[in-house]
Amino acid sequence: MKNKKYSPVGKNVFLVSFLAGTLIFIGFLLTQSDFLFILGFYYVVAAAMINMIVLLYELLEFLTDIAEHKASGNSVFLLLLNIPVVIIYLLILLNIYLS
C-alpha cells in the first residue's frame, strides 16, 4: 500500500482544526463550563471559515495542476472530514442540553 500525499497547508489546517476543536469539546464535557461552550461556538465559526478558504484553495489547486493533483485532492478529502466530526460533536452537545 502506498503512502498518501497531502499538501502541507491542507494537512496542517486539518490537524490544527481537529485537535483544537476536540480539546475544547473534551474540556467542555469535563467541566460543563459556559466559557468553553461560548469559546467552542466562536471557534467553530472561525474554523469553518478558515477551513472553507483552504478547501477552496486546495480544490482549485487540484483542478488546475495536472502534474501533482493527488496531494491537493487528498487534502480536500481531509478537510471535508472535519464536517462529520463537527456534526457529531454538535449532536452530543444537543443531547446534553436537551436532556
Protein backbone atom coordinates (compact mmCIF):
# COMPACT_ATOMS: atom_id res chain seq x y z
CA MET A 1 0.00 0.00 0.00
CA LYS A 2 1.34 3.42 -0.95
CA ASN A 3 1.67 6.33 1.43
CA LYS A 4 -0.84 9.05 0.66
CA LYS A 5 0.49 12.50 -0.08
CA TYR A 6 -1.14 15.60 1.36
CA SER A 7 -0.34 19.21 0.76
CA PRO A 8 1.30 20.73 3.86
CA VAL A 9 -1.24 23.55 4.12
CA GLY A 10 -4.29 21.27 3.95
CA LYS A 11 -2.83 18.71 6.34
CA ASN A 12 -1.80 21.31 8.91
CA VAL A 13 -5.14 23.14 8.80
CA PHE A 14 -6.95 19.83 9.24
CA LEU A 15 -4.79 18.79 12.19
CA VAL A 16 -4.98 22.14 13.99
CA SER A 17 -8.74 22.42 13.44
CA PHE A 18 -9.42 18.88 14.56
CA LEU A 19 -7.13 18.91 17.60
CA ALA A 20 -8.14 22.36 18.86
CA GLY A 21 -11.84 21.61 18.41
CA THR A 22 -11.52 18.26 20.13
CA LEU A 23 -9.63 19.78 23.07
CA ILE A 24 -12.29 22.46 23.53
CA PHE A 25 -15.03 19.82 23.25
CA ILE A 26 -13.42 17.46 25.78
CA GLY A 27 -12.71 20.37 28.10
CA PHE A 28 -16.37 21.36 27.96
CA LEU A 29 -17.55 17.80 28.59
CA LEU A 30 -15.32 17.55 31.66
CA THR A 31 -16.10 20.96 33.15
CA GLN A 32 -19.51 21.98 31.72
CA SER A 33 -18.05 25.49 31.64
CA ASP A 34 -20.14 28.18 29.95
CA PHE A 35 -16.92 29.87 28.87
CA LEU A 36 -15.81 26.77 26.95
CA PHE A 37 -19.25 26.46 25.39
CA ILE A 38 -19.10 30.04 24.08
CA LEU A 39 -15.45 29.65 23.08
CA GLY A 40 -16.35 26.47 21.20
CA PHE A 41 -19.14 28.23 19.34
CA TYR A 42 -16.85 31.03 18.18
CA TYR A 43 -14.13 28.51 17.39
CA VAL A 44 -16.47 26.52 15.14
CA VAL A 45 -17.44 29.67 13.24
CA ALA A 46 -13.82 30.78 12.78
CA ALA A 47 -12.56 27.29 11.94
CA ALA A 48 -15.37 26.81 9.40
CA MET A 49 -14.36 29.99 7.57
CA ILE A 50 -10.65 29.11 7.58
CA ASN A 51 -11.32 25.52 6.52
CA MET A 52 -13.59 26.72 3.71
CA ILE A 53 -10.93 29.09 2.38
CA VAL A 54 -8.25 26.39 2.46
CA LEU A 55 -10.68 23.86 0.99
CA LEU A 56 -11.40 26.15 -1.95
CA TYR A 57 -7.69 26.79 -2.44
CA GLU A 58 -6.91 23.05 -2.41
CA LEU A 59 -9.80 22.32 -4.75
CA LEU A 60 -8.62 24.96 -7.22
CA GLU A 61 -5.10 23.57 -6.97
CA PHE A 62 -6.45 20.06 -7.61
CA LEU A 63 -8.44 21.16 -10.66
CA THR A 64 -5.73 23.30 -12.25
CA ASP A 65 -2.46 21.48 -11.50
CA ILE A 66 -2.34 18.36 -13.66
CA ALA A 67 1.08 17.12 -12.58
CA GLU A 68 0.65 16.99 -8.80
CA HIS A 69 -3.07 16.93 -8.11
CA LYS A 70 -3.12 13.87 -5.86
CA ALA A 71 -1.75 15.74 -2.84
CA SER A 72 -4.32 18.52 -3.20
CA GLY A 73 -7.16 16.05 -3.78
CA ASN A 74 -6.22 14.09 -0.67
CA SER A 75 -6.07 17.33 1.30
CA VAL A 76 -9.57 18.24 0.11
CA PHE A 77 -10.75 14.90 1.49
CA LEU A 78 -9.00 15.55 4.82
CA LEU A 79 -10.61 18.96 5.17
CA LEU A 80 -14.03 17.52 4.38
CA LEU A 81 -13.57 15.02 7.24
CA ASN A 82 -13.94 17.90 9.71
CA ILE A 83 -17.62 18.29 8.75
CA PRO A 84 -18.92 14.99 10.17
CA VAL A 85 -16.77 15.47 13.28
CA VAL A 86 -18.43 18.84 13.96
CA ILE A 87 -21.88 17.35 13.35
CA ILE A 88 -21.21 14.52 15.82
CA TYR A 89 -19.92 16.98 18.44
CA LEU A 90 -22.99 19.19 17.96
CA LEU A 91 -25.36 16.22 18.29
CA ILE A 92 -23.65 15.23 21.54
CA LEU A 93 -23.95 18.81 22.86
CA LEU A 94 -27.62 18.99 21.89
CA ASN A 95 -28.25 15.68 23.61
CA ILE A 96 -26.60 17.01 26.79
CA TYR A 97 -28.61 20.25 26.80
CA LEU A 98 -31.94 18.73 25.84
CA SER A 99 -31.86 16.01 28.49
